[in-house]
Amino acid sequence: MMKPQTRRTFLKRLAGSFLAVLGLGAGGYVYGNRIEPALLGITRLDISHPLIPAGFHGKKIIQFSDTHLGFQYNLNQLEKLIDKINAEKPDLIFFTGDLMDEPNKYREINKLTGILQKLQAPLGKYCIYGNHDHGGYGTEIYRGIMEAAGFKLLINSADFIKLPDNSRIFIAGIDDLMLGKPDLASALKHVPEKQFCILLSHEPDFAETAISYPVQWQLSGHSHGGQVKIPFAGALVLPPFAKIYQEGLYAIGGENGLILYVNRGIGTTGLPFRFFSKPELSVFTLSAN
């Protein structure tokens, strides 16, 4: 098996070759390496469903994902991101995995919890494992950071958000598909029928399984939107379990099926580039039909 650095060097050269072929040369390299990774986009969408109680109408959710701290993304950038998230005044915050690129090699863990604690969401902060959170002996490192920062880590489990009028929605989260042991049946075991439920799954292609369960929306990351996309050719590299659903909004299974949103993530991994796939924050507003 190739060592990570060898793979990254290969991918970097491959990306450079594509940019050169496109006639972008050094300018394309600088844009993909320095400029686009800093161009944060904010996507705003409504989450509308008949099962959403009236009391939740207008409540705001922010999803962020795949920061990959330690590869090309640093704590100063994270602090600026947190300021932008807080400026949106979210009611709920979801982090859908891959906090650090290599947890056991990250040298600023002692600063990370305090920064994440600054995120403010009166109805709660939730997170799940991504493959990089388990990788690099990171399972307990990640858990310790997120729980100390006030996040509830969902591992094949669910929680409910309850308002003063006793109305509820449910948030379910599964373990990572690549390095964990996902079990959606266990996650939904205590979710009553005909209750609105959002599923957090790091890998988007899990939607092919989730469609068979009583969840209405799935929020995912992992794909980085392809991270480097070549015009007329598409994504240069897509990770496992992000081959079918690469970015954006999907309606799966017809009118009463599952709605999936795939966030492009914040950081980079493998390749230190973004090209036609800028970083993304997702801002969702609940809408009671």
Protein backbone atom coordinates (compact mmCIF):
# COMPACT_ATOMS: atom_id res chain seq x y z
CA MET A 1 0.00 0.00 0.00
CA MET A 2 1.34 3.42 -0.93
CA LYS A 3 2.27 5.78 1.87
CA PRO A 4 -0.01 8.85 2.22
CA GLN A 5 2.73 11.31 1.21
CA THR A 6 3.54 9.31 -1.91
CA ARG A 7 -0.13 9.29 -2.88
CA ARG A 8 -0.46 13.01 -2.25
CA THR A 9 2.63 13.76 -4.36
CA PHE A 10 1.18 11.67 -7.18
CA LEU A 11 -2.20 13.39 -6.97
CA LYS A 12 -0.60 16.83 -6.82
CA ARG A 13 1.39 16.10 -9.97
CA LEU A 14 -1.70 14.69 -11.63
CA ALA A 15 -3.66 17.85 -10.86
CA GLY A 16 -0.80 19.98 -12.14
CA SER A 17 -0.78 18.03 -15.36
CA PHE A 18 -4.50 18.64 -15.88
CA LEU A 19 -4.09 22.35 -15.20
CA ALA A 20 -1.20 22.53 -17.64
CA VAL A 21 -3.23 20.72 -20.28
CA LEU A 22 -5.94 23.31 -19.82
CA GLY A 23 -3.42 26.05 -20.49
CA LEU A 24 -3.66 27.44 -16.95
CA GLY A 25 -0.09 26.73 -15.93
CA ALA A 26 1.28 28.62 -12.93
CA GLY A 27 -1.79 30.84 -12.78
CA GLY A 28 -4.05 27.82 -12.46
CA TYR A 29 -1.79 26.34 -9.80
CA VAL A 30 -1.94 29.51 -7.68
CA TYR A 31 -5.69 29.82 -8.14
CA GLY A 32 -6.38 26.20 -7.19
CA ASN A 33 -3.89 26.16 -4.32
CA ARG A 34 -4.39 29.61 -2.77
CA ILE A 35 -7.41 31.44 -4.10
CA GLU A 36 -10.33 29.05 -4.51
CA PRO A 37 -9.74 27.24 -1.18
CA ALA A 38 -10.36 30.61 0.51
CA LEU A 39 -13.54 31.42 -1.45
CA LEU A 40 -16.22 30.32 1.01
CA GLY A 41 -19.66 29.94 -0.52
CA ILE A 42 -22.88 29.98 1.51
CA THR A 43 -25.74 27.85 0.21
CA ARG A 44 -29.20 28.67 1.57
CA LEU A 45 -32.04 26.17 1.31
CA ASP A 46 -35.40 25.49 2.91
CA ILE A 47 -36.10 22.15 4.53
CA SER A 48 -39.80 21.71 3.98
CA HIS A 49 -41.91 18.74 5.02
CA PRO A 50 -45.43 18.08 6.35
CA LEU A 51 -43.99 16.36 9.44
CA ILE A 52 -42.13 19.49 10.61
CA PRO A 53 -44.14 20.93 13.54
CA ALA A 54 -45.34 24.51 13.27
CA GLY A 55 -43.16 25.56 16.21
CA PHE A 56 -40.03 24.74 14.20
CA HIS A 57 -41.02 26.96 11.27
CA GLY A 58 -38.18 29.39 10.61
CA LYS A 59 -35.60 27.61 12.78
CA LYS A 60 -32.16 27.76 11.20
CA ILE A 61 -29.62 24.94 10.85
CA ILE A 62 -26.00 25.34 9.75
CA GLN A 63 -24.02 22.40 8.42
CA PHE A 64 -20.26 22.52 8.03
CA SER A 65 -18.00 19.63 7.16
CA ASP A 66 -14.53 18.37 6.25
CA THR A 67 -12.24 21.04 7.68
CA HIS A 68 -9.23 18.67 7.52
CA LEU A 69 -7.22 20.79 9.92
CA GLY A 70 -3.50 20.31 9.56
CA PHE A 71 -3.38 19.69 5.83
CA GLN A 72 -4.12 23.06 4.24
CA TYR A 73 -6.53 24.54 6.79
CA ASN A 74 -5.42 26.19 10.03
CA LEU A 75 -6.88 27.46 13.30
CA ASN A 76 -6.89 31.07 12.20
CA GLN A 77 -9.10 30.12 9.27
CA LEU A 78 -11.31 28.05 11.59
CA GLU A 79 -11.81 31.02 13.92
CA LYS A 80 -12.92 33.19 10.99
CA LEU A 81 -15.30 30.41 9.92
CA ILE A 82 -16.79 30.27 13.41
CA ASP A 83 -17.37 34.02 13.35
CA LYS A 84 -19.27 33.62 10.07
CA ILE A 85 -21.35 30.76 11.46
CA ASN A 86 -22.24 32.69 14.61
CA ALA A 87 -23.14 35.76 12.54
CA GLU A 88 -25.88 33.65 10.91
CA LYS A 89 -27.44 33.09 14.39
CA PRO A 90 -28.21 29.39 13.86
CA ASP A 91 -30.56 27.49 16.14
CA LEU A 92 -28.78 24.19 15.41
CA ILE A 93 -25.27 23.37 14.18
CA PHE A 94 -24.27 20.09 12.52
CA PHE A 95 -20.69 19.03 11.80
CA THR A 96 -20.63 16.09 9.40
CA GLY A 97 -17.13 14.77 9.93
CA ASP A 98 -13.40 14.98 9.16
CA LEU A 99 -12.23 17.61 11.63
CA MET A 100 -8.48 16.91 11.34
CA ASP A 101 -6.67 15.36 8.41
CA GLU A 102 -4.44 13.15 10.61
CA PRO A 103 -5.57 13.39 14.26
CA ASN A 104 -2.54 11.70 15.82
CA LYS A 105 -0.17 14.12 14.04
CA TYR A 106 -2.09 17.31 14.71
CA ARG A 107 -0.10 19.55 17.07
CA GLU A 108 -2.66 22.15 18.14
CA ILE A 109 -5.31 19.98 19.75
CA ASN A 110 -5.00 21.91 23.02
CA LYS A 111 -6.29 25.04 21.24
CA LEU A 112 -8.98 23.38 19.17
CA THR A 113 -11.60 22.69 21.83
CA GLY A 114 -11.66 26.29 23.04
CA ILE A 115 -12.20 27.55 19.50
CA LEU A 116 -15.06 25.13 18.79
CA GLN A 117 -16.69 26.05 22.10
CA LYS A 118 -17.33 29.52 20.65
CA LEU A 119 -19.94 28.11 18.27
CA GLN A 120 -23.37 29.18 19.50
CA ALA A 121 -26.63 27.34 18.81
CA PRO A 122 -29.43 27.46 21.42
CA LEU A 123 -31.05 24.19 20.30
CA GLY A 124 -27.80 22.23 20.21
CA LYS A 125 -24.63 21.24 18.37
CA TYR A 126 -24.33 17.75 16.86
CA CYS A 127 -21.57 15.85 15.09
CA ILE A 128 -20.73 12.48 13.59
CA TYR A 129 -17.55 10.59 12.72
CA GLY A 130 -15.92 10.91 9.31
CA ASN A 131 -13.29 8.49 8.04
CA HIS A 132 -10.43 10.84 8.97
CA ASP A 133 -11.81 11.16 12.52
CA HIS A 134 -11.35 7.42 12.99
CA GLY A 135 -8.12 7.31 10.98
CA GLY A 136 -4.76 8.20 12.49
CA TYR A 137 -5.81 6.68 15.84
CA GLY A 138 -8.25 9.55 16.04
CA THR A 139 -11.42 7.92 17.38
CA GLU A 140 -11.01 8.97 21.00
CA ILE A 141 -9.12 12.17 20.12
CA TYR A 142 -12.06 13.39 18.05
CA ARG A 143 -14.64 12.33 20.62
CA GLY A 144 -12.80 14.15 23.38
CA ILE A 145 -12.49 17.38 21.40
CA MET A 146 -16.09 17.51 20.20
CA GLU A 147 -17.72 16.56 23.47
CA ALA A 148 -15.58 19.07 25.39
CA ALA A 149 -16.63 21.70 22.84
CA GLY A 150 -20.31 21.08 23.60
CA PHE A 151 -21.21 18.86 20.64
CA LYS A 152 -23.30 15.73 21.02
CA LEU A 153 -21.60 12.94 19.08
CA LEU A 154 -24.17 10.68 17.40
CA ILE A 155 -22.86 7.15 16.87
CA ASN A 156 -25.68 4.98 15.52
CA SER A 157 -28.00 6.96 17.76
CA ALA A 158 -30.60 9.70 17.70
CA ASP A 159 -31.63 12.64 19.80
CA PHE A 160 -34.67 14.89 19.75
CA ILE A 161 -35.04 18.64 19.81
CA LYS A 162 -38.01 19.67 21.94
CA LEU A 163 -39.63 23.09 22.05
CA PRO A 164 -41.68 24.58 24.93
CA ASP A 165 -44.89 23.60 23.10
CA ASN A 166 -43.68 19.94 23.33
CA SER A 167 -43.23 19.63 19.56
CA ARG A 168 -40.17 17.63 18.48
CA ILE A 169 -37.91 16.78 15.59
CA PHE A 170 -35.26 14.05 15.63
CA ILE A 171 -31.60 14.06 14.62
CA ALA A 172 -30.01 10.68 13.86
CA GLY A 173 -26.35 10.00 13.17
CA ILE A 174 -24.50 6.93 11.94
CA ASP A 175 -20.92 5.84 12.33
CA ASP A 176 -18.55 6.26 9.39
CA LEU A 177 -18.99 3.80 6.50
CA MET A 178 -15.30 3.39 5.73
CA LEU A 179 -13.72 2.93 9.16
CA GLY A 180 -16.66 2.64 11.54
CA LYS A 181 -19.65 0.34 11.99
CA PRO A 182 -22.75 2.14 10.72
CA ASP A 183 -26.10 0.81 11.93
CA LEU A 184 -29.07 2.91 10.92
CA ALA A 185 -31.61 0.49 12.39
CA SER A 186 -30.05 0.99 15.83
CA ALA A 187 -29.92 4.75 15.31
CA LEU A 188 -33.66 4.89 14.62
CA LYS A 189 -34.72 2.38 17.26
CA HIS A 190 -36.20 5.05 19.54
CA VAL A 191 -37.49 7.41 16.86
CA PRO A 192 -41.31 7.20 16.77
CA GLU A 193 -43.20 6.79 13.52
CA LYS A 194 -44.39 9.91 11.71
CA GLN A 195 -41.79 12.13 13.35
CA PHE A 196 -39.57 14.35 11.22
CA CYS A 197 -36.01 13.02 11.26
CA ILE A 198 -32.78 14.35 9.77
CA LEU A 199 -29.98 11.82 9.25
CA LEU A 200 -26.32 12.82 9.47
CA SER A 201 -24.09 10.50 7.43
CA HIS A 202 -20.55 11.48 6.48
CA GLU A 203 -20.66 9.57 3.21
CA PRO A 204 -23.46 10.65 0.84
CA ASP A 205 -23.89 7.36 -1.00
CA PHE A 206 -25.36 5.91 2.19
CA ALA A 207 -28.57 7.49 0.89
CA GLU A 208 -28.99 4.33 -1.19
CA THR A 209 -29.55 2.52 2.13
CA ALA A 210 -31.27 5.35 4.01
CA ILE A 211 -34.07 5.54 1.42
CA SER A 212 -35.45 2.32 2.92
CA TYR A 213 -35.77 3.84 6.40
CA PRO A 214 -38.12 6.48 7.86
CA VAL A 215 -35.85 9.49 7.53
CA GLN A 216 -36.87 12.50 5.48
CA TRP A 217 -33.57 14.34 4.95
CA GLN A 218 -29.93 13.25 4.90
CA LEU A 219 -27.03 15.69 5.29
CA SER A 220 -23.57 14.54 4.20
CA GLY A 221 -20.08 15.75 3.32
CA HIS A 222 -17.01 13.66 2.39
CA SER A 223 -17.02 14.29 -1.37
CA HIS A 224 -15.51 17.81 -1.30
CA GLY A 225 -17.67 18.28 -4.39
CA GLY A 226 -14.94 16.45 -6.26
CA GLN A 227 -12.44 19.06 -4.97
CA VAL A 228 -10.77 19.35 -8.39
CA LYS A 229 -13.15 19.35 -11.33
CA ILE A 230 -12.02 19.59 -14.92
CA PRO A 231 -14.43 21.38 -17.30
CA PHE A 232 -16.37 18.92 -19.48
CA ALA A 233 -14.72 15.99 -17.65
CA GLY A 234 -15.95 16.30 -14.06
CA ALA A 235 -14.28 15.43 -10.78
CA LEU A 236 -10.63 14.40 -10.87
CA VAL A 237 -10.85 12.15 -7.80
CA LEU A 238 -13.90 11.04 -5.82
CA PRO A 239 -13.57 9.11 -2.56
CA PRO A 240 -15.36 5.83 -1.88
CA PHE A 241 -19.06 6.23 -1.05
CA ALA A 242 -19.24 9.59 -2.84
CA LYS A 243 -19.41 8.28 -6.38
CA ILE A 244 -23.17 8.52 -6.89
CA TYR A 245 -23.98 11.73 -5.05
CA GLN A 246 -21.19 14.27 -5.40
CA GLU A 247 -22.56 17.65 -4.32
CA GLY A 248 -25.74 19.60 -3.85
CA LEU A 249 -29.39 18.61 -3.58
CA TYR A 250 -30.93 15.29 -4.61
CA ALA A 251 -34.47 13.96 -4.39
CA ILE A 252 -34.28 10.18 -4.10
CA GLY A 253 -37.21 7.84 -4.39
CA GLY A 254 -39.89 10.16 -5.69
CA GLU A 255 -42.19 12.68 -4.06
CA ASN A 256 -42.30 11.00 -0.66
CA GLY A 257 -38.73 9.76 -0.72
CA LEU A 258 -35.50 11.02 0.79
CA ILE A 259 -33.95 14.44 0.24
CA LEU A 260 -30.14 14.44 0.34
CA TYR A 261 -27.84 17.42 0.56
CA VAL A 262 -24.10 16.93 -0.02
CA ASN A 263 -21.93 19.73 1.35
CA ARG A 264 -18.63 20.42 -0.46
CA GLY A 265 -16.75 20.83 2.83
CA ILE A 266 -14.32 23.48 4.02
CA GLY A 267 -10.79 22.12 3.69
CA THR A 268 -8.87 19.92 1.30
CA THR A 269 -7.27 16.49 1.54
CA GLY A 270 -4.95 14.46 -0.68
CA LEU A 271 -4.61 17.30 -3.17
CA PRO A 272 -3.84 20.81 -1.83
CA PHE A 273 -6.21 22.28 -4.44
CA ARG A 274 -9.78 23.24 -5.10
CA PHE A 275 -10.81 23.88 -8.66
CA PHE A 276 -14.44 24.62 -9.63
CA SER A 277 -15.44 23.32 -6.19
CA LYS A 278 -15.13 26.12 -3.65
CA PRO A 279 -15.64 25.54 0.10
CA GLU A 280 -19.19 25.64 1.40
CA LEU A 281 -21.36 26.41 4.40
CA SER A 282 -24.93 25.09 4.18
CA VAL A 283 -27.66 27.17 5.83
CA PHE A 284 -31.05 25.47 6.09
CA THR A 285 -34.30 27.02 7.26
CA LEU A 286 -37.03 24.68 8.47
CA SER A 287 -40.40 25.21 6.87
CA ALA A 288 -43.61 23.70 8.26
CA ASN A 289 -46.04 22.90 5.41
